[in-house]
Protein backbone atom coordinates (compact mmCIF):
# COMPACT_ATOMS: atom_id res chain seq x y z
CA UNK A 1 15.60 27.48 47.48
CA UNK A 2 16.89 30.87 48.00
CA UNK A 3 20.07 31.61 50.60
CA UNK A 4 22.51 33.96 50.79
CA UNK A 5 26.45 32.88 51.73
CA UNK A 6 28.02 35.92 53.79
CA UNK A 7 30.94 36.87 55.38
CA UNK A 8 33.38 35.36 52.60
CA UNK A 9 35.98 36.15 50.80
CA UNK A 10 35.61 35.85 46.71
CA UNK A 11 37.59 33.89 44.03
CA UNK A 12 35.85 34.78 40.49
CA UNK A 13 37.43 32.14 38.70
CA UNK A 14 39.17 34.85 36.57
CA UNK A 15 41.08 37.63 38.75
CA UNK A 16 44.40 37.12 39.96
CA UNK A 17 43.70 37.11 43.69
CA UNK A 18 40.47 36.51 45.63
CA UNK A 19 38.50 39.69 47.05
CA UNK A 20 40.09 41.80 49.14
CA UNK A 21 36.98 42.46 51.74
CA UNK A 22 34.22 39.53 52.47
CA UNK A 23 31.34 39.40 50.08
CA UNK A 24 27.48 38.04 50.25
CA UNK A 25 26.53 36.08 47.34
CA UNK A 26 22.91 35.32 47.01
CA UNK A 27 21.83 32.40 45.50
CA UNK A 28 17.84 31.90 44.05
CA UNK A 29 16.71 28.19 42.24
CA UNK A 30 19.68 27.65 40.43
CA UNK A 31 21.56 31.07 39.66
CA UNK A 32 23.87 33.53 41.45
CA UNK A 33 21.18 36.28 41.92
CA UNK A 34 23.83 38.65 43.73
CA UNK A 35 27.71 39.00 44.34
CA UNK A 36 29.14 41.99 45.97
CA UNK A 37 29.38 43.67 49.36
CA UNK A 38 25.61 44.96 49.91
CA UNK A 39 24.36 43.93 52.61
CA UNK A 40 20.43 44.15 51.23
CA UNK A 41 21.94 40.79 49.63
CA UNK A 42 21.19 38.71 52.41
CA UNK A 43 17.76 40.64 53.56
CA UNK A 44 14.90 38.40 54.28
CA UNK A 45 16.09 35.22 53.42
CA UNK A 46 18.32 32.06 55.25
CA UNK A 47 21.83 32.86 55.18
CA UNK A 48 24.94 31.01 56.14
CA UNK A 49 27.98 32.74 57.34
CA UNK A 50 31.50 31.61 56.20
CA UNK A 51 33.97 34.05 57.84
CA UNK A 52 37.39 32.76 57.02
CA UNK A 53 36.40 30.51 54.04
CA UNK A 54 36.54 31.11 50.19
CA UNK A 55 34.05 30.77 47.67
CA UNK A 56 35.04 30.01 44.46
CA UNK A 57 33.67 28.30 40.89
CA UNK A 58 32.72 24.61 41.42
CA UNK A 59 35.95 22.45 40.41
CA UNK A 60 35.50 20.36 36.24
CA UNK A 61 37.59 17.70 36.05
CA UNK A 62 37.60 17.16 32.09
CA UNK A 63 38.40 13.56 31.52
CA UNK A 64 36.83 10.64 33.62
CA UNK A 65 35.49 7.17 33.07
CA UNK A 66 32.32 7.09 35.71
CA UNK A 67 31.63 3.65 34.84
CA UNK A 68 35.75 2.22 35.62
CA UNK A 69 35.48 0.81 38.99
CA UNK A 70 39.22 1.88 39.59
CA UNK A 71 40.15 -0.61 42.16
CA UNK A 72 39.92 -3.17 39.50
CA UNK A 73 42.68 -3.42 37.20
CA UNK A 74 41.39 -5.90 33.86
CA UNK A 75 39.38 -3.77 31.98
CA UNK A 76 37.81 -7.13 30.81
CA UNK A 77 36.79 -7.77 34.49
CA UNK A 78 35.02 -4.50 34.47
CA UNK A 79 31.97 -5.55 32.60
CA UNK A 80 31.48 -8.78 34.97
CA UNK A 81 29.83 -7.93 37.71
CA UNK A 82 25.88 -7.60 37.63
CA UNK A 83 24.51 -4.63 35.64
CA UNK A 84 22.58 -2.91 38.51
CA UNK A 85 25.92 -3.59 40.87
CA UNK A 86 27.96 -1.42 38.49
CA UNK A 87 25.42 1.07 37.65
CA UNK A 88 25.50 1.51 42.00
CA UNK A 89 29.28 1.90 41.30
CA UNK A 90 28.55 4.85 39.42
CA UNK A 91 26.26 6.71 41.22
CA UNK A 92 28.35 6.10 44.41
CA UNK A 93 31.24 7.96 42.31
CA UNK A 94 29.30 10.73 41.25
CA UNK A 95 28.15 11.02 44.85
CA UNK A 96 31.86 11.67 46.14
CA UNK A 97 32.99 13.98 43.16
CA UNK A 98 30.31 16.23 44.02
CA UNK A 99 31.18 16.28 47.62
CA UNK A 100 34.29 16.64 46.87
CA UNK A 101 33.99 19.64 45.30
CA UNK A 102 33.62 18.55 41.17
CA UNK A 103 30.73 19.96 40.18
CA UNK A 104 31.20 19.35 36.28
CA UNK A 105 32.97 16.31 34.39
CA UNK A 106 33.55 15.38 31.24
CA UNK A 107 33.38 11.98 30.60
CA UNK A 108 35.32 10.09 27.90
CA UNK A 109 33.97 6.83 27.35
CA UNK A 110 32.50 3.67 28.00
CA UNK A 111 30.74 0.71 25.95
CA UNK A 112 27.52 0.67 26.93
CA UNK A 113 25.93 4.30 27.77
CA UNK A 114 25.73 3.66 31.05
CA UNK A 115 27.48 7.14 31.47
CA UNK A 116 24.62 8.84 29.58
CA UNK A 117 21.91 7.56 31.39
CA UNK A 118 23.41 8.61 35.11
CA UNK A 119 24.01 12.01 33.12
CA UNK A 120 20.41 12.15 32.63
CA UNK A 121 19.45 10.99 36.04
CA UNK A 122 21.63 13.28 37.60
CA UNK A 123 20.13 16.20 35.64
CA UNK A 124 16.51 15.17 36.16
CA UNK A 125 17.46 15.26 40.31
CA UNK A 126 17.05 12.02 40.98
CA UNK A 127 20.45 11.30 41.36
CA UNK A 128 23.16 13.07 42.96
CA UNK A 129 26.32 13.95 41.01
CA UNK A 130 28.27 16.33 38.95
CA UNK A 131 26.80 18.12 35.94
CA UNK A 132 28.31 15.79 33.16
CA UNK A 133 29.23 15.48 29.43
CA UNK A 134 30.03 12.49 27.92
CA UNK A 135 31.19 10.87 24.32
CA UNK A 136 30.06 7.72 24.57
CA UNK A 137 32.22 4.72 23.25
CA UNK A 138 36.01 6.36 20.91
CA UNK A 139 36.20 6.09 17.77
CA UNK A 140 38.96 3.32 17.77
CA UNK A 141 41.20 1.36 15.39
CA UNK A 142 39.93 -2.92 14.64
CA UNK A 143 41.49 -4.21 17.58
CA UNK A 144 42.70 -0.64 18.65
CA UNK A 145 42.71 1.04 22.07
CA UNK A 146 39.75 0.41 23.94
CA UNK A 147 38.52 -1.47 21.42
CA UNK A 148 35.91 -3.65 23.66
CA UNK A 149 34.14 -0.71 24.23
CA UNK A 150 32.50 -1.29 20.49
CA UNK A 151 33.75 2.05 18.77
CA UNK A 152 35.68 -0.04 15.78
CA UNK A 153 36.39 1.82 12.46
CA UNK A 154 38.58 0.74 9.54
CA UNK A 155 36.60 2.90 6.91
CA UNK A 156 35.58 5.93 6.17
CA UNK A 157 31.88 4.81 6.27
CA UNK A 158 32.52 2.95 9.67
CA UNK A 159 34.30 5.87 11.60
CA UNK A 160 31.11 7.87 10.23
CA UNK A 161 28.69 5.08 11.86
CA UNK A 162 30.61 5.18 14.64
CA UNK A 163 30.08 9.33 15.33
CA UNK A 164 26.35 8.74 14.13
CA UNK A 165 25.36 6.07 16.51
CA UNK A 166 27.02 8.12 19.10
CA UNK A 167 24.97 11.13 18.46
CA UNK A 168 21.53 8.93 17.98
CA UNK A 169 22.10 8.18 21.97
CA UNK A 170 22.77 12.03 22.38
CA UNK A 171 26.32 12.04 23.45
CA UNK A 172 27.61 15.49 23.93
CA UNK A 173 31.42 14.81 22.42
CA UNK A 174 32.95 12.92 20.49
CA UNK A 175 36.48 10.91 21.05
CA UNK A 176 39.03 8.96 19.12
CA UNK A 177 42.06 7.10 20.12
CA UNK A 178 44.38 8.90 17.90
CA UNK A 179 47.02 7.02 18.93
CA UNK A 180 47.19 3.58 20.91
CA UNK A 181 47.06 3.39 24.66
CA UNK A 182 48.45 1.87 28.06
CA UNK A 183 45.68 -0.11 28.89
CA UNK A 184 44.74 -2.13 25.81
CA UNK A 185 46.49 -5.51 24.99
CA UNK A 186 48.31 -5.97 21.57
CA UNK A 187 48.38 -1.88 21.21
CA UNK A 188 51.49 0.88 21.92
CA UNK A 189 50.76 4.21 23.15
CA UNK A 190 53.83 5.88 20.66
CA UNK A 191 51.98 3.68 17.29
CA UNK A 192 49.31 5.96 15.27
CA UNK A 193 45.88 4.58 14.88
CA UNK A 194 44.43 6.96 12.06
CA UNK A 195 46.16 8.78 9.53
CA UNK A 196 45.72 12.83 9.43
CA UNK A 197 42.50 12.07 6.49
CA UNK A 198 40.92 10.02 8.29
CA UNK A 199 41.37 12.29 11.96
CA UNK A 200 40.21 15.13 9.80
CA UNK A 201 36.85 13.23 8.93
CA UNK A 202 35.86 12.95 12.81
CA UNK A 203 36.37 16.12 13.07
CA UNK A 204 34.34 17.23 10.13
CA UNK A 205 31.24 14.56 10.50
CA UNK A 206 31.50 15.38 14.68
CA UNK A 207 30.84 19.21 13.21
CA UNK A 208 28.36 18.41 11.07
CA UNK A 209 26.44 17.22 14.35
CA UNK A 210 27.32 19.69 16.39
CA UNK A 211 29.43 17.96 18.41
CA UNK A 212 33.84 18.79 19.31
CA UNK A 213 36.45 15.69 19.43
CA UNK A 214 38.50 15.02 21.92
CA UNK A 215 41.50 13.00 20.64
CA UNK A 216 43.50 10.48 23.03
CA UNK A 217 46.95 11.13 22.16
CA UNK A 218 50.07 10.01 23.81
CA UNK A 219 52.36 9.63 21.01
CA UNK A 220 54.36 12.48 19.59
CA UNK A 221 52.86 11.60 15.59
CA UNK A 222 49.35 10.84 16.94
CA UNK A 223 49.55 14.46 18.69
CA UNK A 224 50.54 16.12 15.15
CA UNK A 225 48.13 14.62 13.13
CA UNK A 226 45.30 15.62 15.92
CA UNK A 227 46.51 19.35 15.87
CA UNK A 228 46.54 19.73 12.35
CA UNK A 229 43.07 17.98 12.01
CA UNK A 230 41.96 20.81 14.53
CA UNK A 231 40.21 18.67 17.58
CA UNK A 232 39.14 21.00 20.19
CA UNK A 233 40.96 18.87 23.35
CA UNK A 234 44.08 17.20 23.19
CA UNK A 235 43.68 13.98 26.03
CA UNK A 236 47.21 13.09 28.09
CA UNK A 237 49.85 14.61 24.64
CA UNK A 238 52.38 12.96 26.57
CA UNK A 239 54.77 12.68 23.83
CA UNK A 240 55.64 9.08 24.08
CA UNK A 241 58.41 7.98 22.18
CA UNK A 242 60.07 4.55 22.28
CA UNK A 243 61.41 5.15 25.42
CA UNK A 244 58.45 6.00 27.28
CA UNK A 245 56.30 9.21 28.08
CA UNK A 246 58.10 12.59 27.24
CA UNK A 247 60.65 10.22 25.10
CA UNK A 248 59.26 12.16 22.17
CA UNK A 249 58.95 15.41 22.58
CA UNK A 250 58.86 17.40 19.67
CA UNK A 251 59.59 20.81 20.07
CA UNK A 252 58.15 21.65 16.67
CA UNK A 253 54.94 20.05 17.65
CA UNK A 254 54.62 21.28 20.70
CA UNK A 255 54.37 24.62 18.83
CA UNK A 256 51.93 23.09 16.38
CA UNK A 257 49.67 22.13 19.21
CA UNK A 258 49.40 25.88 20.16
CA UNK A 259 49.04 27.48 17.49
CA UNK A 260 45.62 24.69 16.63
CA UNK A 261 44.05 26.37 18.95
CA UNK A 262 43.44 22.74 21.12
CA UNK A 263 43.58 22.45 24.72
CA UNK A 264 45.72 20.36 26.47
CA UNK A 265 44.24 18.03 29.13
CA UNK A 266 46.71 16.09 30.73
CA UNK A 267 45.20 13.68 33.04
CA UNK A 268 47.82 14.63 35.76
CA UNK A 269 46.66 12.26 38.59
CA UNK A 270 47.35 11.32 42.18
CA UNK A 271 49.67 8.20 41.20
CA UNK A 272 51.78 11.51 39.23
CA UNK A 273 51.99 13.13 42.69
CA UNK A 274 53.05 9.56 44.04
CA UNK A 275 56.31 9.91 41.27
CA UNK A 276 56.89 12.91 42.70
CA UNK A 277 57.04 11.95 46.48
CA UNK A 278 59.64 8.66 45.36
CA UNK A 279 61.60 11.31 43.15
CA UNK A 280 62.23 13.75 46.08
CA UNK A 281 63.08 11.03 48.80
CA UNK A 282 65.56 9.56 46.89
CA UNK A 283 66.18 10.10 43.21
CA UNK A 284 68.88 7.21 43.42
CA UNK A 285 66.38 5.02 44.63
CA UNK A 286 63.86 5.69 42.64
CA UNK A 287 65.62 6.48 39.13
CA UNK A 288 62.07 5.78 36.70
CA UNK A 289 60.32 7.67 38.60
CA UNK A 290 62.86 10.40 39.06
CA UNK A 291 63.22 10.04 34.96
CA UNK A 292 59.21 10.69 34.74
CA UNK A 293 59.15 13.80 36.78
CA UNK A 294 61.61 15.17 34.44
CA UNK A 295 60.71 14.10 31.45
CA UNK A 296 57.07 15.21 32.20
CA UNK A 297 57.96 18.70 33.35
CA UNK A 298 60.01 19.10 30.08
CA UNK A 299 56.99 18.27 28.09
CA UNK A 300 54.60 21.07 30.38
CA UNK A 301 57.58 23.32 30.32
CA UNK A 302 58.15 23.09 26.57
CA UNK A 303 53.88 23.45 25.49
CA UNK A 304 53.74 26.06 28.11
CA UNK A 305 56.17 28.26 26.53
CA UNK A 306 54.37 27.35 22.91
CA UNK A 307 51.41 29.06 24.52
CA UNK A 308 49.62 25.87 25.18
CA UNK A 309 46.56 25.90 27.33
CA UNK A 310 46.05 23.76 29.79
CA UNK A 311 42.51 21.99 31.46
CA UNK A 312 42.20 20.33 34.38
CA UNK A 313 41.76 16.76 34.29
CA UNK A 314 42.75 13.16 35.66
CA UNK A 315 41.28 10.09 33.83
CA UNK A 316 39.86 8.70 37.38
CA UNK A 317 38.59 5.52 36.79
CA UNK A 318 42.00 3.97 35.52
CA UNK A 319 43.30 1.90 38.05
CA UNK A 320 44.03 3.29 41.37
CA UNK A 321 43.21 6.91 40.22
CA UNK A 322 39.53 7.49 42.28
CA UNK A 323 37.19 10.10 41.03
CA UNK A 324 36.89 12.24 44.31
CA UNK A 325 41.04 12.87 43.75
CA UNK A 326 41.46 15.55 41.51
CA UNK A 327 42.65 17.88 44.44
CA UNK A 328 45.81 15.72 44.33
CA UNK A 329 45.93 15.78 40.66
CA UNK A 330 45.93 19.00 40.64
CA UNK A 331 48.35 20.12 43.53
CA UNK A 332 51.22 17.85 41.78
CA UNK A 333 50.33 19.39 38.43
CA UNK A 334 51.20 23.09 39.54
CA UNK A 335 54.65 21.38 40.32
CA UNK A 336 54.69 19.52 37.01
CA UNK A 337 54.36 22.50 35.58
CA UNK A 338 55.26 25.30 37.41
CA UNK A 339 52.26 26.77 37.88
CA UNK A 340 51.02 28.76 40.16
CA UNK A 341 47.78 27.88 42.30
CA UNK A 342 45.89 30.70 40.52
CA UNK A 343 47.06 29.01 36.87
CA UNK A 344 45.53 25.45 38.27
CA UNK A 345 42.50 26.78 39.57
CA UNK A 346 41.56 28.80 36.37
CA UNK A 347 42.61 25.30 34.72
CA UNK A 348 40.17 23.42 36.60
CA UNK A 349 37.37 26.28 36.52
CA UNK A 350 36.99 29.02 34.16
CA UNK A 351 39.46 27.91 31.28
CA UNK A 352 38.22 23.99 32.01
CA UNK A 353 34.32 25.61 31.11
CA UNK A 354 35.47 27.27 27.98
CA UNK A 355 37.30 24.16 26.67
CA UNK A 356 33.92 21.82 27.26
CA UNK A 357 31.72 24.54 25.78
CA UNK A 358 30.11 25.62 29.10
CA UNK A 359 31.86 28.88 29.76
CA UNK A 360 28.76 30.83 29.38
CA UNK A 361 26.95 28.71 32.53
CA UNK A 362 29.62 27.48 34.19
CA UNK A 363 33.47 28.04 35.81
CA UNK A 364 33.13 31.93 36.44
CA UNK A 365 31.45 33.19 40.00
CA UNK A 366 28.91 35.78 38.29
CA UNK A 367 25.64 36.92 38.78
CA UNK A 368 23.67 34.92 35.84
CA UNK A 369 26.11 32.02 35.99
CA UNK A 370 24.85 28.46 37.65
CA UNK A 371 25.32 28.22 41.12
CA UNK A 372 27.80 26.12 41.06
CA UNK A 373 30.19 26.70 44.09
CA UNK A 374 32.86 25.41 46.43
CA UNK A 375 33.64 26.70 49.59
CA UNK A 376 36.89 25.84 51.87
CA UNK A 377 38.83 27.06 54.79
CA UNK A 378 41.54 29.61 53.97
CA UNK A 379 43.20 30.72 50.68
CA UNK A 380 43.65 28.37 47.86
CA UNK A 381 44.97 30.79 45.65
CA UNK A 382 47.70 30.55 48.50
CA UNK A 383 47.67 27.66 48.77
CA UNK A 384 46.10 24.75 46.99
CA UNK A 385 45.75 22.24 49.98
CA UNK A 386 42.92 24.16 51.00
CA UNK A 387 40.83 22.69 48.35
CA UNK A 388 41.05 19.64 50.38
CA UNK A 389 38.62 20.44 52.86
CA UNK A 390 35.23 21.29 51.49
CA UNK A 391 32.93 23.42 54.11
CA UNK A 392 30.42 23.29 51.76
CA UNK A 393 29.84 22.68 48.00
CA UNK A 394 26.33 24.08 46.21
CA UNK A 395 25.34 22.12 42.93
CA UNK A 396 22.37 23.41 40.84
CA UNK A 397 21.60 26.01 43.82
CA UNK A 398 21.43 22.64 45.87
CA UNK A 399 23.60 22.70 49.00
CA UNK A 400 25.47 19.17 49.46
CA UNK A 401 27.29 18.39 52.20
CA UNK A 402 30.92 17.36 52.11
CA UNK A 403 32.30 14.73 53.66
CA UNK A 404 34.12 14.85 56.98
CA UNK A 405 37.57 15.96 57.21
CA UNK A 406 38.82 12.83 59.12
CA UNK A 407 37.32 10.71 55.61
CA UNK A 408 39.15 12.81 53.34
CA UNK A 409 42.20 11.16 51.33
CA UNK A 410 40.85 7.41 51.43
CA UNK A 411 40.86 5.44 48.41
CA UNK A 412 37.89 3.33 47.04
CA UNK A 413 38.53 0.50 48.31
CA UNK A 414 39.52 1.31 51.81
CA UNK A 415 35.87 3.68 51.98
CA UNK A 416 34.31 -0.30 50.54
CA UNK A 417 36.08 -2.01 53.59
CA UNK A 418 35.00 0.30 55.87
């Protein structure tokens, strides 16, 4: 398919502002083959005039779980539905992500390989959805966080066996649960699950097979160990102490994270936005939300001041966090981290693409790159809210019809009832 987007302002994923003049983007097959003001770029082919709109690289969510239904609050209940029903649910979630402008996502954990199979169906074109990179079963300690996904490992040999099993299943990444988690009974987010030597083993074993490591880290000591092991991305990085999120903030550890070169994937989602609204409406009546906002804002300030790099992520699939709600997460992240729209958009495009190993393919708008594009009304570099109304999504050169404006913002459960 060959066509051109005309009369459109453009942001390339890197610059500090969008183009001052309207441009033309030419797309042939799955690639961008022309980008500029030249009228001949649109000669002799189908054109789509998008006056008043901005085209930018498709968005990237660097932490999702497609196997999880966000309307199911008990992780053990997730697998009780018939397999075919769960597969259909995953496909529906993937379609909703793409229609919202999310053209790439990194799936960081499941137990049965359903997300790996979905990745391949999307790549073949038989199912509509974002390009997926998948980690498969996370490496976790015996009865540790998400042990029910099958990646338990206590010894060095068991750690290596779990990693090799993911490689055999053609996982793109290796995930390790460096600390406990919120949703797994019997684990504590503040507690480390592996020592520094074991985390280094995870990284070295993954590297032997050409894989990078994403480390789930809530507690401060777990963050320190993950940074020392040189994992590629630190998920959450929430400095959980005995008093909850952000209470274990340690400037020295924040500096170690930045010095390690790891990207921070903070999984800020629409739930964080709800806490912001509660704190702003009445801090005295919503003390817990206000305290959370203050502590996590301090975490991001410390990490940013140390030079850490952020990538956009939501942890979609956990209770209440629907898969097509990256944009509310981006708007909340901007507030917590005191970032402007341009920095937040980079975290969801070019910086995220570099972090997950796709920087030569996606995340920027340039000749030769994959034609993964989002077109929105207005200027998202002035107001991120513009991302909430896609005019057009292009994925691997194929046009995707976005949702009707009146349907946006519904939860997955609301859509099901409708």
